[in-house]
Amino acid sequence: MKSKTLYLSDLDGTLLRSVERLSEYTIDIINSLVKHNGCFSYATARLAVTASKVTTGLLTEAPVICYNGAFTMRKNEIINSNYFTPTEIEYIKSFLGLIPIVYAYVNGKERFSFIENDISEGMQHFLNSRLDDPRRNEAKSVDELYAGDIFYISCISGEQQLEPVNAIINKDQHFQSIYHKDIYSGAQWCEIMPKKATKANAAIQLKSMLHCDKLIVFGDGLNDIPLFNVADECYAMQNAAPELKKIATDVIESNDNDGVAKWIEKNVKRM
């Protein structure tokens, strides 16, 4: 039986150009792959709604991995999820020391909640970019901020505030964090998720779900390291973090030079 490969790409800084859009060339190459029965998907920190907007024109018949692995979704329907328990949320609140942006399902609707009078400059940049987002919810209290089924917590502040938070998370077996600077604003982020909510775990599940024998991935950030560690082949963009390049199978052209699409056109025999 012929082997089947899942090609899985990060979006921001990888498949997307720096203007947060796909080039026509990338769309054509990936759509050709899919039309010839190739298996392609993406794994992103975005939710399916925002990911679908920046990948307009792309044939994404396979489920996609969102929120760094918190959800696997098919046509905006959640098919696999990872939520915090109430006990875990109370523990996070006990040491956080700042007001974050909290992502949750509240009464069946997704919301990202914040408290308007307690936001950092980096948070303001994020919120300004999502003024018309239907998920946006200005909470009036801490209780309202942490309402619903919570799956993702974003802390955006200075390194002095966030480094201790990241250190605590990394020592706890129930959580994981992604500590990085936002590629668009330069703000320091510490994103907190349940331990099982990783791109790596979601990719392994998706590979099995799609009956693929091999996993080839593309990425640029530190949050892609676990994904690279479980892949058969892993390719870092020229613009990727040095730590990712060190463990990559190879380094390919940058996101602004359509590195993923060029690699697929050269290495995948289907056209």
Protein backbone atom coordinates (compact mmCIF):
# COMPACT_ATOMS: atom_id res chain seq x y z
CA MET A 1 0.00 0.00 0.00
CA LYS A 2 1.29 3.46 -0.91
CA SER A 3 2.36 5.53 2.11
CA LYS A 4 0.49 8.71 2.94
CA THR A 5 2.10 11.87 4.32
CA LEU A 6 0.54 14.66 6.38
CA TYR A 7 2.12 18.04 5.56
CA LEU A 8 1.50 20.32 8.53
CA SER A 9 2.50 24.00 8.62
CA ASP A 10 2.47 26.78 11.16
CA LEU A 11 0.81 29.97 9.87
CA ASP A 12 2.30 33.22 11.21
CA GLY A 13 5.92 33.57 10.20
CA THR A 14 5.75 30.33 8.21
CA LEU A 15 2.99 29.85 5.64
CA LEU A 16 1.78 33.46 5.88
CA ARG A 17 3.82 36.35 4.62
CA SER A 18 4.58 39.18 7.06
CA VAL A 19 1.46 41.02 5.89
CA GLU A 20 -0.58 38.14 7.43
CA ARG A 21 -1.77 36.82 4.09
CA LEU A 22 -0.96 33.96 1.72
CA SER A 23 0.61 34.67 -1.64
CA GLU A 24 -1.23 33.52 -4.75
CA TYR A 25 1.71 31.24 -5.47
CA THR A 26 1.39 29.50 -2.09
CA ILE A 27 -2.36 29.10 -2.57
CA ASP A 28 -1.88 27.57 -6.03
CA ILE A 29 0.82 25.11 -4.90
CA ILE A 30 -1.06 23.87 -1.83
CA ASN A 31 -4.39 23.65 -3.64
CA SER A 32 -2.72 21.60 -6.36
CA LEU A 33 -1.34 19.27 -3.67
CA VAL A 34 -4.80 18.83 -2.14
CA LYS A 35 -6.49 18.32 -5.51
CA HIS A 36 -4.04 15.50 -6.20
CA ASN A 37 -5.04 13.78 -2.95
CA GLY A 38 -2.22 15.24 -0.91
CA CYS A 39 -2.90 15.74 2.79
CA PHE A 40 -2.22 19.28 4.02
CA SER A 41 -3.25 21.15 7.16
CA TYR A 42 -1.97 23.80 9.53
CA ALA A 43 -1.27 24.16 13.24
CA THR A 44 -1.58 27.67 14.59
CA ALA A 45 -1.95 29.75 17.73
CA ARG A 46 -4.98 31.33 16.06
CA LEU A 47 -8.56 30.12 16.32
CA ALA A 48 -10.19 28.63 13.23
CA VAL A 49 -12.19 31.84 12.63
CA THR A 50 -9.17 34.14 12.38
CA ALA A 51 -7.06 31.45 10.71
CA SER A 52 -9.67 30.98 8.00
CA LYS A 53 -9.67 34.72 7.28
CA VAL A 54 -5.92 34.86 6.66
CA THR A 55 -5.96 31.65 4.59
CA THR A 56 -8.78 32.66 2.25
CA GLY A 57 -8.53 30.70 -0.99
CA LEU A 58 -6.77 27.73 0.55
CA LEU A 59 -8.34 24.28 0.26
CA THR A 60 -8.29 23.01 3.84
CA GLU A 61 -10.42 19.88 3.73
CA ALA A 62 -8.51 18.26 6.59
CA PRO A 63 -9.14 19.32 10.22
CA VAL A 64 -6.92 22.14 11.47
CA ILE A 65 -5.09 22.59 14.78
CA CYS A 66 -5.84 25.85 16.61
CA TYR A 67 -4.74 27.65 19.76
CA ASN A 68 -1.42 25.80 19.76
CA GLY A 69 -3.20 22.46 20.12
CA ALA A 70 -6.02 23.35 22.51
CA PHE A 71 -8.49 22.51 19.73
CA THR A 72 -8.60 20.44 16.57
CA MET A 73 -11.42 21.71 14.37
CA ARG A 74 -13.23 20.81 11.16
CA LYS A 75 -15.19 23.63 9.51
CA ASN A 76 -15.39 25.52 12.85
CA GLU A 77 -16.64 22.43 14.68
CA ILE A 78 -14.50 21.25 17.60
CA ILE A 79 -13.56 17.58 17.23
CA ASN A 80 -10.94 17.51 20.01
CA SER A 81 -10.54 19.89 22.96
CA ASN A 82 -8.48 20.55 26.09
CA TYR A 83 -9.87 22.71 28.93
CA PHE A 84 -8.53 23.79 32.33
CA THR A 85 -10.24 22.34 35.41
CA PRO A 86 -11.71 24.82 37.95
CA THR A 87 -8.99 23.80 40.42
CA GLU A 88 -6.28 24.57 37.86
CA ILE A 89 -7.78 28.00 37.18
CA GLU A 90 -7.84 28.85 40.89
CA TYR A 91 -4.19 27.86 41.17
CA ILE A 92 -3.22 30.02 38.18
CA LYS A 93 -5.08 33.00 39.66
CA SER A 94 -3.18 32.55 42.94
CA PHE A 95 0.24 33.32 41.44
CA LEU A 96 -0.46 35.24 38.25
CA GLY A 97 -0.16 38.73 39.72
CA LEU A 98 -1.63 40.46 36.66
CA ILE A 99 -4.85 40.58 34.67
CA PRO A 100 -4.60 38.43 31.50
CA ILE A 101 -6.76 37.87 28.45
CA VAL A 102 -8.85 34.76 29.12
CA TYR A 103 -10.24 32.54 26.34
CA ALA A 104 -13.28 30.45 27.18
CA TYR A 105 -16.58 29.10 25.99
CA VAL A 106 -19.29 31.00 27.89
CA ASN A 107 -22.87 29.78 27.44
CA GLY A 108 -21.82 27.95 24.28
CA LYS A 109 -20.09 30.95 22.67
CA GLU A 110 -16.38 31.58 22.44
CA ARG A 111 -15.15 34.70 24.18
CA PHE A 112 -11.83 36.34 24.92
CA SER A 113 -12.30 38.46 28.02
CA PHE A 114 -10.29 41.33 29.46
CA ILE A 115 -10.71 44.14 32.00
CA GLU A 116 -10.48 47.49 30.23
CA ASN A 117 -8.94 49.53 33.06
CA ASP A 118 -6.13 47.05 33.67
CA ILE A 119 -4.32 46.42 30.39
CA SER A 120 -0.70 46.75 29.26
CA GLU A 121 0.53 48.44 26.10
CA GLY A 122 0.98 45.05 24.46
CA MET A 123 -2.55 44.03 25.38
CA GLN A 124 -3.84 47.30 23.94
CA HIS A 125 -2.11 46.55 20.63
CA PHE A 126 -3.77 43.12 20.55
CA LEU A 127 -7.21 44.50 21.44
CA ASN A 128 -6.94 47.32 18.89
CA SER A 129 -6.38 44.71 16.18
CA ARG A 130 -9.61 42.96 17.14
CA LEU A 131 -12.10 45.77 17.65
CA ASP A 132 -14.79 44.07 15.54
CA ASP A 133 -14.13 40.53 16.77
CA PRO A 134 -17.43 38.97 17.97
CA ARG A 135 -15.49 37.02 20.62
CA ARG A 136 -14.40 40.25 22.34
CA ASN A 137 -15.81 40.61 25.87
CA GLU A 138 -15.05 43.42 28.30
CA ALA A 139 -15.40 41.85 31.74
CA LYS A 140 -16.62 43.96 34.66
CA SER A 141 -15.01 41.84 37.37
CA VAL A 142 -12.42 39.12 37.93
CA ASP A 143 -15.24 36.57 38.36
CA GLU A 144 -16.62 37.51 34.94
CA LEU A 145 -13.11 37.45 33.46
CA TYR A 146 -12.69 33.80 34.47
CA ALA A 147 -16.23 32.65 33.60
CA GLY A 148 -17.01 29.63 31.39
CA ASP A 149 -14.94 26.70 30.16
CA ILE A 150 -11.43 28.14 29.94
CA PHE A 151 -8.85 26.76 27.53
CA TYR A 152 -6.22 29.49 26.99
CA ILE A 153 -4.76 32.38 29.00
CA SER A 154 -2.63 35.10 27.41
CA CYS A 155 -0.45 37.34 29.56
CA ILE A 156 1.01 40.33 27.70
CA SER A 157 3.33 42.52 29.73
CA GLY A 158 7.01 43.16 30.45
CA GLU A 159 9.67 40.50 30.90
CA GLN A 160 10.10 41.46 34.57
CA GLN A 161 6.48 40.50 35.28
CA LEU A 162 6.26 37.49 33.00
CA GLU A 163 9.53 35.64 33.61
CA PRO A 164 8.48 34.53 37.16
CA VAL A 165 5.09 33.40 35.81
CA ASN A 166 6.75 31.38 33.08
CA ALA A 167 9.13 29.79 35.60
CA ILE A 168 6.25 28.64 37.82
CA ILE A 169 4.33 27.20 34.87
CA ASN A 170 7.34 25.28 33.61
CA LYS A 171 7.76 23.58 36.99
CA ASP A 172 4.13 22.42 37.17
CA GLN A 173 3.10 19.11 35.59
CA HIS A 174 -0.46 20.30 34.87
CA PHE A 175 0.38 23.24 32.60
CA GLN A 176 2.62 24.41 29.82
CA SER A 177 3.54 27.86 28.59
CA ILE A 178 4.76 29.51 25.44
CA TYR A 179 7.05 32.42 26.26
CA HIS A 180 7.85 34.61 23.27
CA LYS A 181 7.78 38.05 21.72
CA ASP A 182 4.92 38.74 19.36
CA ILE A 183 6.26 38.94 15.79
CA TYR A 184 3.95 41.85 14.92
CA SER A 185 4.08 44.13 18.01
CA GLY A 186 7.29 42.98 19.70
CA ALA A 187 5.43 42.67 23.02
CA GLN A 188 6.38 39.92 25.49
CA TRP A 189 3.77 37.15 25.76
CA CYS A 190 3.36 34.26 28.16
CA GLU A 191 0.57 31.95 27.01
CA ILE A 192 -0.69 29.33 29.45
CA MET A 193 -2.42 26.12 28.38
CA PRO A 194 -3.35 22.71 29.78
CA LYS A 195 -0.45 20.26 29.60
CA LYS A 196 -2.02 18.17 26.82
CA ALA A 197 -2.80 21.18 24.63
CA THR A 198 0.21 21.08 22.32
CA LYS A 199 0.68 21.17 18.58
CA ALA A 200 2.66 17.94 18.98
CA ASN A 201 -0.15 15.98 20.64
CA ALA A 202 -2.72 17.36 18.22
CA ALA A 203 -0.50 16.53 15.22
CA ILE A 204 -0.06 12.92 16.33
CA GLN A 205 -3.84 12.59 16.74
CA LEU A 206 -4.49 14.22 13.36
CA LYS A 207 -1.94 11.97 11.65
CA SER A 208 -3.76 8.93 13.03
CA MET A 209 -7.20 10.33 12.21
CA LEU A 210 -6.21 10.87 8.57
CA HIS A 211 -4.49 7.45 8.35
CA CYS A 212 -1.13 8.98 7.44
CA ASP A 213 2.16 7.12 7.80
CA LYS A 214 4.47 10.12 7.86
CA LEU A 215 4.43 13.62 9.33
CA ILE A 216 6.35 16.51 7.73
CA VAL A 217 6.11 19.89 9.48
CA PHE A 218 7.11 23.52 8.89
CA GLY A 219 7.56 26.24 11.49
CA ASP A 220 9.38 29.31 12.73
CA GLY A 221 8.79 29.78 16.47
CA LEU A 222 9.71 28.30 19.83
CA ASN A 223 6.17 26.96 20.17
CA ASP A 224 6.96 24.68 17.19
CA ILE A 225 9.77 22.84 19.02
CA PRO A 226 7.52 20.06 20.45
CA LEU A 227 5.95 19.65 17.00
CA PHE A 228 9.40 19.30 15.40
CA ASN A 229 10.33 16.67 17.98
CA VAL A 230 7.48 14.33 16.95
CA ALA A 231 7.77 14.80 13.18
CA ASP A 232 9.48 12.50 10.70
CA GLU A 233 10.89 15.56 8.94
CA CYS A 234 10.85 19.17 10.15
CA TYR A 235 11.74 22.31 8.23
CA ALA A 236 12.53 25.69 9.80
CA MET A 237 12.07 28.92 7.90
CA GLN A 238 15.05 31.16 7.22
CA ASN A 239 13.38 33.66 9.58
CA ALA A 240 12.89 31.04 12.32
CA ALA A 241 14.20 31.15 15.88
CA PRO A 242 17.80 29.86 16.13
CA GLU A 243 16.69 27.15 18.60
CA LEU A 244 14.28 25.76 15.99
CA LYS A 245 16.86 25.81 13.22
CA LYS A 246 19.20 23.71 15.36
CA ILE A 247 16.78 20.77 15.50
CA ALA A 248 15.37 21.08 11.97
CA THR A 249 15.92 18.58 9.20
CA ASP A 250 16.84 21.59 7.08
CA VAL A 251 16.34 25.36 6.85
CA ILE A 252 14.24 26.56 3.91
CA GLU A 253 13.49 29.97 2.43
CA SER A 254 11.68 32.56 4.54
CA ASN A 255 7.94 33.05 4.85
CA ASP A 256 8.11 36.17 2.68
CA ASN A 257 9.82 34.09 -0.03
CA ASP A 258 7.13 31.36 0.08
CA GLY A 259 9.52 28.81 1.57
CA VAL A 260 6.89 26.18 2.36
CA ALA A 261 5.28 26.27 -1.08
CA LYS A 262 8.66 26.18 -2.81
CA TRP A 263 9.69 23.14 -0.77
CA ILE A 264 6.42 21.35 -1.60
CA GLU A 265 6.71 22.15 -5.32
CA LYS A 266 10.28 20.80 -5.38
CA ASN A 267 9.89 17.74 -3.18
CA VAL A 268 6.34 16.42 -3.55
CA LYS A 269 5.62 14.51 -6.74
CA ARG A 270 1.99 15.16 -7.51
CA MET A 271 1.81 17.79 -10.29
